[in-house]
Amino acid sequence: MITNYNVTGMTCGHCVAAVTEEVSAIPGVTEVKVEQTGSMQISSTAEVDFAAVAAAVKEAGDYEVALA
């Protein structure tokens, strides 16, 4: 399953790496593609709870996430 999101507040490669690391740790997530422009694509074995994605993005830094 592939789900697309928009992440706001990222300004550099470190931001991208932090979001990628946190979201990759969500159970069931198999791949995360994050662009500094704010697009994020998550591949997973099953639907990932949006609250889990939002919590992971918030843990990475002062970023906000929304479904694309």
PDB file of N, CA and C in Angstrom:
ATOM      1  N   MET A   1       0.843  -1.166   0.000  1.00  0.00           N
ATOM      2  CA  MET A   1       0.000   0.000   0.000  1.00  0.00           C
ATOM      3  C   MET A   1       0.897   1.240   0.000  1.00  0.00           C
ATOM      4  N   ILE A   2       0.559   2.211  -0.829  1.00  0.00           N
ATOM      5  CA  ILE A   2       1.318   3.459  -0.920  1.00  0.00           C
ATOM      6  C   ILE A   2       0.395   4.615  -0.541  1.00  0.00           C
ATOM      7  N   THR A   3       0.890   5.466   0.359  1.00  0.00           N
ATOM      8  CA  THR A   3       0.128   6.635   0.794  1.00  0.00           C
ATOM      9  C   THR A   3       1.010   7.864   0.667  1.00  0.00           C
ATOM     10  N   ASN A   4       0.434   8.955   0.154  1.00  0.00           N
ATOM     11  CA  ASN A   4       1.169  10.200  -0.032  1.00  0.00           C
ATOM     12  C   ASN A   4       0.756  11.233   1.004  1.00  0.00           C
ATOM     13  N   TYR A   5       1.748  11.978   1.473  1.00  0.00           N
ATOM     14  CA  TYR A   5       1.542  13.004   2.492  1.00  0.00           C
ATOM     15  C   TYR A   5       2.278  14.274   2.096  1.00  0.00           C
ATOM     16  N   ASN A   6       1.917  15.382   2.733  1.00  0.00           N
ATOM     17  CA  ASN A   6       2.648  16.636   2.627  1.00  0.00           C
ATOM     18  C   ASN A   6       3.181  16.971   4.006  1.00  0.00           C
ATOM     19  N   VAL A   7       4.475  17.270   4.086  1.00  0.00           N
ATOM     20  CA  VAL A   7       5.113  17.632   5.346  1.00  0.00           C
ATOM     21  C   VAL A   7       5.592  19.077   5.224  1.00  0.00           C
ATOM     22  N   THR A   8       5.198  19.914   6.164  1.00  0.00           N
ATOM     23  CA  THR A   8       5.637  21.310   6.139  1.00  0.00           C
ATOM     24  C   THR A   8       6.635  21.561   7.256  1.00  0.00           C
ATOM     25  N   GLY A   9       7.532  22.499   7.017  1.00  0.00           N
ATOM     26  CA  GLY A   9       8.501  22.912   8.028  1.00  0.00           C
ATOM     27  C   GLY A   9       9.905  22.398   7.795  1.00  0.00           C
ATOM     28  N   MET A  10      10.093  21.519   6.812  1.00  0.00           N
ATOM     29  CA  MET A  10      11.438  21.003   6.542  1.00  0.00           C
ATOM     30  C   MET A  10      12.226  22.031   5.735  1.00  0.00           C
ATOM     31  N   THR A  11      13.490  22.246   6.146  1.00  0.00           N
ATOM     32  CA  THR A  11      14.294  23.261   5.467  1.00  0.00           C
ATOM     33  C   THR A  11      15.635  22.747   4.951  1.00  0.00           C
ATOM     34  N   CYS A  12      16.000  21.498   5.315  1.00  0.00           N
ATOM     35  CA  CYS A  12      17.325  21.021   4.918  1.00  0.00           C
ATOM     36  C   CYS A  12      17.355  19.502   4.848  1.00  0.00           C
ATOM     37  N   GLY A  13      18.485  18.968   4.462  1.00  0.00           N
ATOM     38  CA  GLY A  13      18.664  17.534   4.372  1.00  0.00           C
ATOM     39  C   GLY A  13      18.548  16.837   5.720  1.00  0.00           C
ATOM     40  N   HIS A  14      18.964  17.519   6.788  1.00  0.00           N
ATOM     41  CA  HIS A  14      18.833  16.939   8.131  1.00  0.00           C
ATOM     42  C   HIS A  14      17.364  16.725   8.466  1.00  0.00           C
ATOM     43  N   CYS A  15      16.515  17.664   8.079  1.00  0.00           N
ATOM     44  CA  CYS A  15      15.072  17.533   8.306  1.00  0.00           C
ATOM     45  C   CYS A  15      14.542  16.283   7.601  1.00  0.00           C
ATOM     46  N   VAL A  16      14.932  16.121   6.351  1.00  0.00           N
ATOM     47  CA  VAL A  16      14.495  14.977   5.553  1.00  0.00           C
ATOM     48  C   VAL A  16      14.957  13.679   6.216  1.00  0.00           C
ATOM     49  N   ALA A  17      16.201  13.644   6.663  1.00  0.00           N
ATOM     50  CA  ALA A  17      16.744  12.442   7.295  1.00  0.00           C
ATOM     51  C   ALA A  17      16.014  12.130   8.603  1.00  0.00           C
ATOM     52  N   ALA A  18      15.716  13.149   9.396  1.00  0.00           N
ATOM     53  CA  ALA A  18      15.033  12.939  10.671  1.00  0.00           C
ATOM     54  C   ALA A  18      13.627  12.396  10.457  1.00  0.00           C
ATOM     55  N   VAL A  19      12.891  12.968   9.510  1.00  0.00           N
ATOM     56  CA  VAL A  19      11.533  12.501   9.226  1.00  0.00           C
ATOM     57  C   VAL A  19      11.589  11.075   8.683  1.00  0.00           C
ATOM     58  N   THR A  20      12.502  10.811   7.775  1.00  0.00           N
ATOM     59  CA  THR A  20      12.640   9.473   7.196  1.00  0.00           C
ATOM     60  C   THR A  20      12.916   8.442   8.287  1.00  0.00           C
ATOM     61  N   GLU A  21      13.825   8.758   9.193  1.00  0.00           N
ATOM     62  CA  GLU A  21      14.184   7.827  10.265  1.00  0.00           C
ATOM     63  C   GLU A  21      13.002   7.521  11.176  1.00  0.00           C
ATOM     64  N   GLU A  22      12.291   8.554  11.608  1.00  0.00           N
ATOM     65  CA  GLU A  22      11.168   8.353  12.532  1.00  0.00           C
ATOM     66  C   GLU A  22      10.009   7.598  11.876  1.00  0.00           C
ATOM     67  N   VAL A  23       9.667   7.970  10.656  1.00  0.00           N
ATOM     68  CA  VAL A  23       8.543   7.327   9.974  1.00  0.00           C
ATOM     69  C   VAL A  23       8.897   5.884   9.604  1.00  0.00           C
ATOM     70  N   SER A  24      10.147   5.628   9.277  1.00  0.00           N
ATOM     71  CA  SER A  24      10.579   4.263   8.937  1.00  0.00           C
ATOM     72  C   SER A  24      10.415   3.306  10.114  1.00  0.00           C
ATOM     73  N   ALA A  25      10.402   3.831  11.324  1.00  0.00           N
ATOM     74  CA  ALA A  25      10.293   2.996  12.526  1.00  0.00           C
ATOM     75  C   ALA A  25       8.859   2.557  12.832  1.00  0.00           C
ATOM     76  N   ILE A  26       7.879   3.086  12.105  1.00  0.00           N
ATOM     77  CA  ILE A  26       6.483   2.701  12.331  1.00  0.00           C
ATOM     78  C   ILE A  26       6.291   1.251  11.867  1.00  0.00           C
ATOM     79  N   PRO A  27       5.701   0.401  12.715  1.00  0.00           N
ATOM     80  CA  PRO A  27       5.470  -0.992  12.313  1.00  0.00           C
ATOM     81  C   PRO A  27       4.652  -1.096  11.021  1.00  0.00           C
ATOM     82  N   GLY A  28       5.109  -1.941  10.113  1.00  0.00           N
ATOM     83  CA  GLY A  28       4.420  -2.146   8.847  1.00  0.00           C
ATOM     84  C   GLY A  28       4.949  -1.298   7.707  1.00  0.00           C
ATOM     85  N   VAL A  29       5.709  -0.254   8.015  1.00  0.00           N
ATOM     86  CA  VAL A  29       6.267   0.615   6.973  1.00  0.00           C
ATOM     87  C   VAL A  29       7.462  -0.091   6.338  1.00  0.00           C
ATOM     88  N   THR A  30       7.444  -0.190   5.022  1.00  0.00           N
ATOM     89  CA  THR A  30       8.517  -0.878   4.309  1.00  0.00           C
ATOM     90  C   THR A  30       9.458   0.079   3.588  1.00  0.00           C
ATOM     91  N   GLU A  31       8.968   1.283   3.262  1.00  0.00           N
ATOM     92  CA  GLU A  31       9.804   2.272   2.562  1.00  0.00           C
ATOM     93  C   GLU A  31       9.225   3.660   2.776  1.00  0.00           C
ATOM     94  N   VAL A  32      10.133   4.633   2.917  1.00  0.00           N
ATOM     95  CA  VAL A  32       9.721   6.030   3.073  1.00  0.00           C
ATOM     96  C   VAL A  32      10.549   6.867   2.111  1.00  0.00           C
ATOM     97  N   LYS A  33       9.873   7.678   1.310  1.00  0.00           N
ATOM     98  CA  LYS A  33      10.548   8.613   0.407  1.00  0.00           C
ATOM     99  C   LYS A  33      10.118  10.018   0.811  1.00  0.00           C
ATOM    100  N   VAL A  34      11.083  10.833   1.233  1.00  0.00           N
ATOM    101  CA  VAL A  34      10.797  12.194   1.679  1.00  0.00           C
ATOM    102  C   VAL A  34      11.598  13.159   0.831  1.00  0.00           C
ATOM    103  N   GLU A  35      10.966  14.204   0.353  1.00  0.00           N
ATOM    104  CA  GLU A  35      11.629  15.256  -0.413  1.00  0.00           C
ATOM    105  C   GLU A  35      11.616  16.541   0.414  1.00  0.00           C
ATOM    106  N   GLN A  36      12.666  17.315   0.318  1.00  0.00           N
ATOM    107  CA  GLN A  36      12.749  18.579   1.054  1.00  0.00           C
ATOM    108  C   GLN A  36      11.615  19.530   0.673  1.00  0.00           C
ATOM    109  N   THR A  37      11.043  19.344  -0.505  1.00  0.00           N
ATOM    110  CA  THR A  37       9.929  20.179  -0.961  1.00  0.00           C
ATOM    111  C   THR A  37       8.656  19.912  -0.166  1.00  0.00           C
ATOM    112  N   GLY A  38       8.646  18.800   0.614  1.00  0.00           N
ATOM    113  CA  GLY A  38       7.501  18.517   1.462  1.00  0.00           C
ATOM    114  C   GLY A  38       6.717  17.275   1.106  1.00  0.00           C
ATOM    115  N   SER A  39       7.020  16.643  -0.011  1.00  0.00           N
ATOM    116  CA  SER A  39       6.276  15.431  -0.350  1.00  0.00           C
ATOM    117  C   SER A  39       6.871  14.235   0.383  1.00  0.00           C
ATOM    118  N   MET A  40       5.985  13.352   0.841  1.00  0.00           N
ATOM    119  CA  MET A  40       6.423  12.126   1.504  1.00  0.00           C
ATOM    120  C   MET A  40       5.532  10.985   1.022  1.00  0.00           C
ATOM    121  N   GLN A  41       6.169   9.903   0.654  1.00  0.00           N
ATOM    122  CA  GLN A  41       5.442   8.712   0.209  1.00  0.00           C
ATOM    123  C   GLN A  41       5.837   7.552   1.111  1.00  0.00           C
ATOM    124  N   ILE A  42       4.818   6.889   1.673  1.00  0.00           N
ATOM    125  CA  ILE A  42       5.057   5.760   2.550  1.00  0.00           C
ATOM    126  C   ILE A  42       4.522   4.495   1.883  1.00  0.00           C
ATOM    127  N   SER A  43       5.373   3.480   1.797  1.00  0.00           N
ATOM    128  CA  SER A  43       4.955   2.158   1.352  1.00  0.00           C
ATOM    129  C   SER A  43       4.844   1.292   2.602  1.00  0.00           C
ATOM    130  N   SER A  44       3.765   0.510   2.680  1.00  0.00           N
ATOM    131  CA  SER A  44       3.548  -0.302   3.868  1.00  0.00           C
ATOM    132  C   SER A  44       2.831  -1.595   3.522  1.00  0.00           C
ATOM    133  N   THR A  45       2.897  -2.535   4.454  1.00  0.00           N
ATOM    134  CA  THR A  45       2.252  -3.828   4.259  1.00  0.00           C
ATOM    135  C   THR A  45       0.750  -3.735   4.492  1.00  0.00           C
ATOM    136  N   ALA A  46       0.312  -2.727   5.243  1.00  0.00           N
ATOM    137  CA  ALA A  46      -1.109  -2.490   5.525  1.00  0.00           C
ATOM    138  C   ALA A  46      -1.286  -0.997   5.752  1.00  0.00           C
ATOM    139  N   GLU A  47      -2.528  -0.566   5.864  1.00  0.00           N
ATOM    140  CA  GLU A  47      -2.786   0.850   6.091  1.00  0.00           C
ATOM    141  C   GLU A  47      -2.139   1.288   7.400  1.00  0.00           C
ATOM    142  N   VAL A  48      -1.431   2.418   7.347  1.00  0.00           N
ATOM    143  CA  VAL A  48      -0.764   2.963   8.523  1.00  0.00           C
ATOM    144  C   VAL A  48      -1.671   4.030   9.135  1.00  0.00           C
ATOM    145  N   ASP A  49      -1.873   3.935  10.436  1.00  0.00           N
ATOM    146  CA  ASP A  49      -2.709   4.889  11.148  1.00  0.00           C
ATOM    147  C   ASP A  49      -2.125   6.298  11.018  1.00  0.00           C
ATOM    148  N   PHE A  50      -2.954   7.270  10.605  1.00  0.00           N
ATOM    149  CA  PHE A  50      -2.462   8.635  10.416  1.00  0.00           C
ATOM    150  C   PHE A  50      -1.892   9.193  11.712  1.00  0.00           C
ATOM    151  N   ALA A  51      -2.483   8.854  12.844  1.00  0.00           N
ATOM    152  CA  ALA A  51      -1.983   9.353  14.137  1.00  0.00           C
ATOM    153  C   ALA A  51      -0.547   8.894  14.376  1.00  0.00           C
ATOM    154  N   ALA A  52      -0.218   7.682  13.945  1.00  0.00           N
ATOM    155  CA  ALA A  52       1.148   7.176  14.097  1.00  0.00           C
ATOM    156  C   ALA A  52       2.112   7.959  13.210  1.00  0.00           C
ATOM    157  N   VAL A  53       1.677   8.281  11.996  1.00  0.00           N
ATOM    158  CA  VAL A  53       2.506   9.067  11.082  1.00  0.00           C
ATOM    159  C   VAL A  53       2.707  10.472  11.662  1.00  0.00           C
ATOM    160  N   ALA A  54       1.630  11.085  12.125  1.00  0.00           N
ATOM    161  CA  ALA A  54       1.720  12.436  12.688  1.00  0.00           C
ATOM    162  C   ALA A  54       2.639  12.463  13.904  1.00  0.00           C
ATOM    163  N   ALA A  55       2.551  11.454  14.756  1.00  0.00           N
ATOM    164  CA  ALA A  55       3.404  11.392  15.946  1.00  0.00           C
ATOM    165  C   ALA A  55       4.871  11.226  15.558  1.00  0.00           C
ATOM    166  N   ALA A  56       5.142  10.407  14.564  1.00  0.00           N
ATOM    167  CA  ALA A  56       6.520  10.189  14.115  1.00  0.00           C
ATOM    168  C   ALA A  56       7.101  11.463  13.511  1.00  0.00           C
ATOM    169  N   VAL A  57       6.311  12.155  12.708  1.00  0.00           N
ATOM    170  CA  VAL A  57       6.777  13.402  12.099  1.00  0.00           C
ATOM    171  C   VAL A  57       7.035  14.452  13.183  1.00  0.00           C
ATOM    172  N   LYS A  58       6.167  14.529  14.178  1.00  0.00           N
ATOM    173  CA  LYS A  58       6.342  15.484  15.270  1.00  0.00           C
ATOM    174  C   LYS A  58       7.587  15.134  16.093  1.00  0.00           C
ATOM    175  N   GLU A  59       7.837  13.843  16.278  1.00  0.00           N
ATOM    176  CA  GLU A  59       9.029  13.398  17.016  1.00  0.00           C
ATOM    177  C   GLU A  59      10.309  13.806  16.282  1.00  0.00           C
ATOM    178  N   ALA A  60      10.240  13.859  14.959  1.00  0.00           N
ATOM    179  CA  ALA A  60      11.408  14.218  14.149  1.00  0.00           C
ATOM    180  C   ALA A  60      11.779  15.689  14.291  1.00  0.00           C
ATOM    181  N   GLY A  61      10.800  16.534  14.593  1.00  0.00           N
ATOM    182  CA  GLY A  61      11.075  17.964  14.711  1.00  0.00           C
ATOM    183  C   GLY A  61       9.801  18.771  14.648  1.00  0.00           C
ATOM    184  N   ASP A  62       9.946  20.042  14.421  1.00  0.00           N
ATOM    185  CA  ASP A  62       8.813  20.960  14.402  1.00  0.00           C
ATOM    186  C   ASP A  62       8.183  20.972  13.003  1.00  0.00           C
ATOM    187  N   TYR A  63       7.608  19.833  12.635  1.00  0.00           N
ATOM    188  CA  TYR A  63       7.014  19.666  11.317  1.00  0.00           C
ATOM    189  C   TYR A  63       5.539  19.287  11.467  1.00  0.00           C
ATOM    190  N   GLU A  64       4.777  19.540  10.428  1.00  0.00           N
ATOM    191  CA  GLU A  64       3.363  19.161  10.387  1.00  0.00           C
ATOM    192  C   GLU A  64       3.147  18.284   9.173  1.00  0.00           C
ATOM    193  N   VAL A  65       2.178  17.364   9.277  1.00  0.00           N
ATOM    194  CA  VAL A  65       1.919  16.446   8.175  1.00  0.00           C
ATOM    195  C   VAL A  65       0.430  16.433   7.872  1.00  0.00           C
ATOM    196  N   ALA A  66       0.099  16.245   6.588  1.00  0.00           N
ATOM    197  CA  ALA A  66      -1.286  16.121   6.142  1.00  0.00           C
ATOM    198  C   ALA A  66      -1.304  15.135   4.980  1.00  0.00           C
ATOM    199  N   LEU A  67      -2.454  14.483   4.793  1.00  0.00           N
ATOM    200  CA  LEU A  67      -2.614  13.618   3.628  1.00  0.00           C
ATOM    201  C   LEU A  67      -2.550  14.467   2.370  1.00  0.00           C
ATOM    202  N   ALA A  68      -1.915  13.949   1.351  1.00  0.00           N
ATOM    203  CA  ALA A  68      -1.795  14.703   0.091  1.00  0.00           C
ATOM    204  C   ALA A  68      -3.046  14.513  -0.749  1.00  0.00           C
TER     205      ALA A  68
END
